[in-house]
């Protein structure tokens, strides 16, 4: 299992514990991929997951650049065009996962951008 897959699995577990329902994982289209699409109440949440083994190159969430944010917005638009949903609200979250010292540290940044 890759580092990214491990992080996404931890992120899904974290979201479920917080009351989210996972709608899709690794949604792909010609524009790229959305790691996790979840729902909580009437909010559809597009999640980007970043996982690191250490902070050598900074916190995991710091890898979500402006370019990545814009790409995720376009991916979300593509998803909404091709999938029906009745969500009243949309949100972009980042789940930053650090796997140092044997215990995962998960930082869930709601409405990150």
N, C-alpha and C. Protein backbone atom coordinates (compact mmCIF):
# COMPACT_ATOMS: atom_id res chain seq x y z
N UNK A 1 0.85 -1.17 0.00
CA UNK A 1 0.00 0.00 0.00
C UNK A 1 0.90 1.24 0.00
N UNK A 2 0.56 2.20 -0.84
CA UNK A 2 1.37 3.42 -0.94
C UNK A 2 1.10 4.36 0.23
N UNK A 3 1.99 5.31 0.40
CA UNK A 3 1.83 6.31 1.45
C UNK A 3 0.52 7.08 1.26
N UNK A 4 0.24 7.45 0.01
CA UNK A 4 -1.00 8.17 -0.29
C UNK A 4 -2.24 7.36 0.04
N UNK A 5 -2.22 6.08 -0.32
CA UNK A 5 -3.37 5.21 -0.02
C UNK A 5 -3.57 5.07 1.49
N UNK A 6 -2.46 4.93 2.21
CA UNK A 6 -2.56 4.84 3.68
C UNK A 6 -3.18 6.10 4.26
N UNK A 7 -2.72 7.25 3.79
CA UNK A 7 -3.25 8.52 4.27
C UNK A 7 -4.72 8.68 3.95
N UNK A 8 -5.12 8.29 2.75
CA UNK A 8 -6.54 8.40 2.37
C UNK A 8 -7.41 7.48 3.21
N UNK A 9 -6.90 6.29 3.52
CA UNK A 9 -7.64 5.38 4.40
C UNK A 9 -7.84 5.98 5.78
N UNK A 10 -6.77 6.57 6.33
CA UNK A 10 -6.87 7.23 7.63
C UNK A 10 -7.83 8.41 7.57
N UNK A 11 -7.78 9.16 6.48
CA UNK A 11 -8.67 10.31 6.32
C UNK A 11 -10.13 9.87 6.27
N UNK A 12 -10.42 8.80 5.54
CA UNK A 12 -11.80 8.29 5.47
C UNK A 12 -12.29 7.87 6.86
N UNK A 13 -11.44 7.17 7.60
CA UNK A 13 -11.82 6.75 8.96
C UNK A 13 -12.09 7.97 9.84
N UNK A 14 -11.24 8.97 9.75
CA UNK A 14 -11.40 10.20 10.52
C UNK A 14 -12.73 10.88 10.17
N UNK A 15 -13.00 10.98 8.88
CA UNK A 15 -14.24 11.64 8.46
C UNK A 15 -15.48 10.88 8.94
N UNK A 16 -15.45 9.56 8.82
CA UNK A 16 -16.59 8.76 9.28
C UNK A 16 -16.84 8.96 10.77
N UNK A 17 -15.76 8.99 11.55
CA UNK A 17 -15.90 9.21 13.00
C UNK A 17 -16.51 10.57 13.30
N UNK A 18 -16.30 11.53 12.41
CA UNK A 18 -16.84 12.88 12.60
C UNK A 18 -18.24 13.04 11.99
N UNK A 19 -18.82 11.93 11.51
CA UNK A 19 -20.18 11.98 11.01
C UNK A 19 -20.35 12.21 9.52
N UNK A 20 -19.26 12.13 8.77
CA UNK A 20 -19.33 12.29 7.32
C UNK A 20 -19.67 10.95 6.68
N UNK A 21 -20.32 11.02 5.54
CA UNK A 21 -20.57 9.83 4.72
C UNK A 21 -19.68 9.95 3.49
N UNK A 22 -18.88 8.93 3.22
CA UNK A 22 -17.99 8.94 2.06
C UNK A 22 -18.82 8.64 0.82
N UNK A 23 -18.82 9.56 -0.13
CA UNK A 23 -19.57 9.42 -1.37
C UNK A 23 -18.71 8.76 -2.45
N UNK A 24 -17.47 9.20 -2.54
CA UNK A 24 -16.57 8.68 -3.58
C UNK A 24 -15.13 8.85 -3.10
N UNK A 25 -14.30 7.97 -3.58
CA UNK A 25 -12.87 8.03 -3.25
C UNK A 25 -12.09 7.88 -4.55
N UNK A 26 -11.10 8.72 -4.73
CA UNK A 26 -10.28 8.73 -5.95
C UNK A 26 -11.13 8.93 -7.20
N UNK A 27 -12.02 9.91 -7.13
CA UNK A 27 -12.83 10.26 -8.31
C UNK A 27 -11.90 10.79 -9.39
N UNK A 28 -11.99 10.19 -10.57
CA UNK A 28 -11.12 10.59 -11.68
C UNK A 28 -11.93 11.04 -12.88
N UNK A 29 -11.41 12.05 -13.53
CA UNK A 29 -11.93 12.48 -14.83
C UNK A 29 -10.73 12.99 -15.63
N UNK A 30 -10.97 13.50 -16.81
CA UNK A 30 -9.86 13.93 -17.66
C UNK A 30 -9.03 15.06 -17.04
N UNK A 31 -9.61 15.78 -16.06
CA UNK A 31 -8.91 16.91 -15.43
C UNK A 31 -7.99 16.49 -14.29
N UNK A 32 -8.19 15.28 -13.77
CA UNK A 32 -7.37 14.82 -12.64
C UNK A 32 -8.17 13.98 -11.67
N UNK A 33 -7.86 14.13 -10.38
CA UNK A 33 -8.46 13.27 -9.36
C UNK A 33 -8.79 14.05 -8.10
N UNK A 34 -9.92 13.71 -7.49
CA UNK A 34 -10.28 14.22 -6.17
C UNK A 34 -10.11 13.05 -5.21
N UNK A 35 -9.36 13.26 -4.13
CA UNK A 35 -9.07 12.17 -3.20
C UNK A 35 -10.33 11.61 -2.56
N UNK A 36 -11.13 12.48 -1.94
CA UNK A 36 -12.34 12.03 -1.24
C UNK A 36 -13.46 13.03 -1.47
N UNK A 37 -14.64 12.51 -1.75
CA UNK A 37 -15.85 13.33 -1.79
C UNK A 37 -16.74 12.79 -0.68
N UNK A 38 -17.12 13.66 0.23
CA UNK A 38 -17.90 13.23 1.39
C UNK A 38 -19.10 14.15 1.56
N UNK A 39 -19.99 13.74 2.44
CA UNK A 39 -21.17 14.55 2.72
C UNK A 39 -21.43 14.54 4.22
N UNK A 40 -21.78 15.71 4.71
CA UNK A 40 -22.21 15.84 6.10
C UNK A 40 -23.40 16.79 6.10
N UNK A 41 -24.55 16.26 6.48
CA UNK A 41 -25.76 17.08 6.42
C UNK A 41 -26.06 17.47 4.99
N UNK A 42 -26.26 18.75 4.77
CA UNK A 42 -26.56 19.22 3.41
C UNK A 42 -25.33 19.80 2.72
N UNK A 43 -24.14 19.41 3.18
CA UNK A 43 -22.89 19.93 2.61
C UNK A 43 -22.11 18.82 1.92
N UNK A 44 -21.78 19.06 0.66
CA UNK A 44 -20.91 18.17 -0.11
C UNK A 44 -19.49 18.70 0.05
N UNK A 45 -18.57 17.81 0.46
CA UNK A 45 -17.21 18.23 0.80
C UNK A 45 -16.21 17.53 -0.12
N UNK A 46 -15.41 18.33 -0.81
CA UNK A 46 -14.35 17.82 -1.66
C UNK A 46 -13.05 17.90 -0.86
N UNK A 47 -12.43 16.74 -0.63
CA UNK A 47 -11.28 16.67 0.28
C UNK A 47 -9.99 16.35 -0.47
N UNK A 48 -8.97 17.11 -0.17
CA UNK A 48 -7.62 16.84 -0.63
C UNK A 48 -6.84 16.30 0.57
N UNK A 49 -6.19 15.16 0.37
CA UNK A 49 -5.43 14.52 1.45
C UNK A 49 -3.95 14.60 1.12
N UNK A 50 -3.17 15.10 2.06
CA UNK A 50 -1.71 15.14 1.91
C UNK A 50 -1.09 14.41 3.09
N UNK A 51 -0.22 13.46 2.77
CA UNK A 51 0.39 12.61 3.80
C UNK A 51 1.91 12.69 3.69
N UNK A 52 2.56 12.81 4.82
CA UNK A 52 4.02 12.86 4.87
C UNK A 52 4.52 12.00 6.03
N UNK A 53 5.75 11.53 5.90
CA UNK A 53 6.39 10.76 6.97
C UNK A 53 7.09 11.66 7.98
N UNK A 54 7.45 12.86 7.54
CA UNK A 54 8.12 13.81 8.43
C UNK A 54 7.89 15.23 7.91
N UNK A 55 8.42 16.20 8.63
CA UNK A 55 8.23 17.60 8.25
C UNK A 55 9.43 18.18 7.50
N UNK A 56 10.24 17.30 6.95
CA UNK A 56 11.46 17.74 6.26
C UNK A 56 11.16 18.79 5.18
N UNK A 57 10.04 18.64 4.50
CA UNK A 57 9.66 19.59 3.45
C UNK A 57 8.45 20.41 3.88
N UNK A 58 8.23 20.55 5.18
CA UNK A 58 7.12 21.34 5.69
C UNK A 58 5.93 20.47 6.08
N UNK A 59 4.90 21.12 6.55
CA UNK A 59 3.66 20.42 6.92
C UNK A 59 2.99 19.88 5.65
N UNK A 60 2.31 18.75 5.75
CA UNK A 60 1.66 18.19 4.57
C UNK A 60 0.71 19.17 3.87
N UNK A 61 -0.07 19.93 4.64
CA UNK A 61 -1.05 20.84 4.03
C UNK A 61 -0.39 21.93 3.19
N UNK A 62 0.89 22.21 3.44
CA UNK A 62 1.58 23.25 2.68
C UNK A 62 1.78 22.85 1.22
N UNK A 63 1.57 21.59 0.90
CA UNK A 63 1.71 21.11 -0.48
C UNK A 63 0.46 21.41 -1.32
N UNK A 64 -0.58 21.92 -0.69
CA UNK A 64 -1.80 22.26 -1.44
C UNK A 64 -1.64 23.70 -1.93
N UNK A 65 -1.02 23.83 -3.08
CA UNK A 65 -0.70 25.13 -3.65
C UNK A 65 -1.94 25.78 -4.28
N UNK A 66 -1.80 27.03 -4.66
CA UNK A 66 -2.89 27.73 -5.34
C UNK A 66 -3.28 27.01 -6.63
N UNK A 67 -2.28 26.51 -7.35
CA UNK A 67 -2.57 25.76 -8.57
C UNK A 67 -3.39 24.51 -8.29
N UNK A 68 -3.04 23.80 -7.22
CA UNK A 68 -3.79 22.60 -6.82
C UNK A 68 -5.21 22.98 -6.41
N UNK A 69 -5.36 24.08 -5.70
CA UNK A 69 -6.69 24.53 -5.30
C UNK A 69 -7.56 24.83 -6.52
N UNK A 70 -6.99 25.52 -7.50
CA UNK A 70 -7.74 25.83 -8.72
C UNK A 70 -8.12 24.58 -9.48
N UNK A 71 -7.20 23.61 -9.55
CA UNK A 71 -7.50 22.35 -10.22
C UNK A 71 -8.63 21.61 -9.51
N UNK A 72 -8.62 21.62 -8.17
CA UNK A 72 -9.69 20.96 -7.41
C UNK A 72 -11.04 21.63 -7.65
N UNK A 73 -11.03 22.95 -7.79
CA UNK A 73 -12.28 23.65 -8.10
C UNK A 73 -12.84 23.19 -9.45
N UNK A 74 -11.96 23.09 -10.44
CA UNK A 74 -12.40 22.63 -11.77
C UNK A 74 -12.89 21.18 -11.71
N UNK A 75 -12.19 20.35 -10.96
CA UNK A 75 -12.61 18.95 -10.80
C UNK A 75 -13.98 18.87 -10.13
N UNK A 76 -14.20 19.69 -9.12
CA UNK A 76 -15.50 19.70 -8.44
C UNK A 76 -16.61 20.12 -9.40
N UNK A 77 -16.35 21.11 -10.24
CA UNK A 77 -17.34 21.53 -11.23
C UNK A 77 -17.67 20.37 -12.17
N UNK A 78 -16.65 19.66 -12.60
CA UNK A 78 -16.85 18.51 -13.48
C UNK A 78 -17.69 17.44 -12.79
N UNK A 79 -17.38 17.18 -11.52
CA UNK A 79 -18.14 16.19 -10.76
C UNK A 79 -19.61 16.59 -10.66
N UNK A 80 -19.87 17.85 -10.35
CA UNK A 80 -21.25 18.32 -10.17
C UNK A 80 -22.05 18.24 -11.47
N UNK A 81 -21.39 18.46 -12.60
CA UNK A 81 -22.07 18.36 -13.89
C UNK A 81 -22.47 16.92 -14.19
N UNK A 82 -21.63 15.97 -13.80
CA UNK A 82 -21.87 14.57 -14.16
C UNK A 82 -22.57 13.74 -13.09
N UNK A 83 -22.79 14.30 -11.89
CA UNK A 83 -23.43 13.56 -10.80
C UNK A 83 -24.54 14.40 -10.19
N UNK A 84 -25.71 13.81 -10.07
CA UNK A 84 -26.80 14.54 -9.43
C UNK A 84 -26.60 14.52 -7.92
N UNK A 85 -26.97 15.62 -7.29
CA UNK A 85 -26.92 15.68 -5.84
C UNK A 85 -27.86 16.78 -5.37
N UNK A 86 -28.26 16.68 -4.13
CA UNK A 86 -29.19 17.67 -3.59
C UNK A 86 -28.55 18.48 -2.46
N UNK A 87 -27.24 18.54 -2.47
CA UNK A 87 -26.54 19.30 -1.42
C UNK A 87 -26.79 20.79 -1.60
N UNK A 88 -27.03 21.46 -0.51
CA UNK A 88 -27.25 22.91 -0.53
C UNK A 88 -25.93 23.68 -0.50
N UNK A 89 -24.91 23.06 0.06
CA UNK A 89 -23.62 23.74 0.25
C UNK A 89 -22.48 22.89 -0.28
N UNK A 90 -21.41 23.56 -0.68
CA UNK A 90 -20.18 22.90 -1.13
C UNK A 90 -19.03 23.45 -0.31
N UNK A 91 -18.02 22.60 -0.11
CA UNK A 91 -16.88 23.03 0.68
C UNK A 91 -15.64 22.26 0.23
N UNK A 92 -14.48 22.89 0.38
CA UNK A 92 -13.20 22.25 0.09
C UNK A 92 -12.42 22.13 1.39
N UNK A 93 -12.08 20.91 1.77
CA UNK A 93 -11.32 20.64 2.99
C UNK A 93 -9.96 20.05 2.63
N UNK A 94 -9.01 20.22 3.52
CA UNK A 94 -7.70 19.57 3.39
C UNK A 94 -7.49 18.73 4.64
N UNK A 95 -7.08 17.49 4.43
CA UNK A 95 -6.69 16.62 5.55
C UNK A 95 -5.19 16.42 5.45
N UNK A 96 -4.48 16.94 6.44
CA UNK A 96 -3.03 16.91 6.50
C UNK A 96 -2.64 15.81 7.49
N UNK A 97 -1.93 14.80 6.99
CA UNK A 97 -1.61 13.64 7.83
C UNK A 97 -0.10 13.47 7.93
N UNK A 98 0.37 13.45 9.16
CA UNK A 98 1.79 13.26 9.44
C UNK A 98 1.94 11.91 10.14
N UNK A 99 2.75 11.02 9.54
CA UNK A 99 2.91 9.66 10.06
C UNK A 99 4.22 9.49 10.82
N UNK A 100 4.67 10.51 11.50
CA UNK A 100 5.92 10.44 12.27
C UNK A 100 5.66 9.83 13.65
N UNK A 101 6.67 9.25 14.24
CA UNK A 101 6.63 8.73 15.61
C UNK A 101 5.60 7.62 15.82
N UNK A 102 5.23 6.91 14.77
CA UNK A 102 4.35 5.75 14.92
C UNK A 102 2.88 6.02 15.12
N UNK A 103 2.51 7.26 15.36
CA UNK A 103 1.09 7.57 15.55
C UNK A 103 0.68 8.68 14.58
N UNK A 104 -0.34 8.42 13.76
CA UNK A 104 -0.75 9.44 12.79
C UNK A 104 -1.30 10.69 13.48
N UNK A 105 -0.89 11.84 12.96
CA UNK A 105 -1.44 13.11 13.42
C UNK A 105 -2.25 13.68 12.27
N UNK A 106 -3.55 13.83 12.49
CA UNK A 106 -4.45 14.29 11.44
C UNK A 106 -4.92 15.70 11.76
N UNK A 107 -4.69 16.60 10.83
CA UNK A 107 -5.20 17.96 10.92
C UNK A 107 -6.24 18.12 9.83
N UNK A 108 -7.49 18.32 10.22
CA UNK A 108 -8.59 18.48 9.28
C UNK A 108 -8.90 19.97 9.18
N UNK A 109 -8.59 20.55 8.03
CA UNK A 109 -8.82 21.97 7.81
C UNK A 109 -10.10 22.11 7.00
N UNK A 110 -11.18 22.49 7.68
CA UNK A 110 -12.46 22.66 7.00
C UNK A 110 -12.48 24.00 6.27
N UNK A 111 -13.15 24.00 5.11
CA UNK A 111 -13.28 25.23 4.31
C UNK A 111 -11.91 25.85 4.07
N UNK A 112 -10.97 25.02 3.65
CA UNK A 112 -9.56 25.43 3.52
C UNK A 112 -9.35 26.48 2.43
N UNK A 113 -10.20 26.46 1.42
CA UNK A 113 -10.08 27.46 0.34
C UNK A 113 -11.39 27.60 -0.38
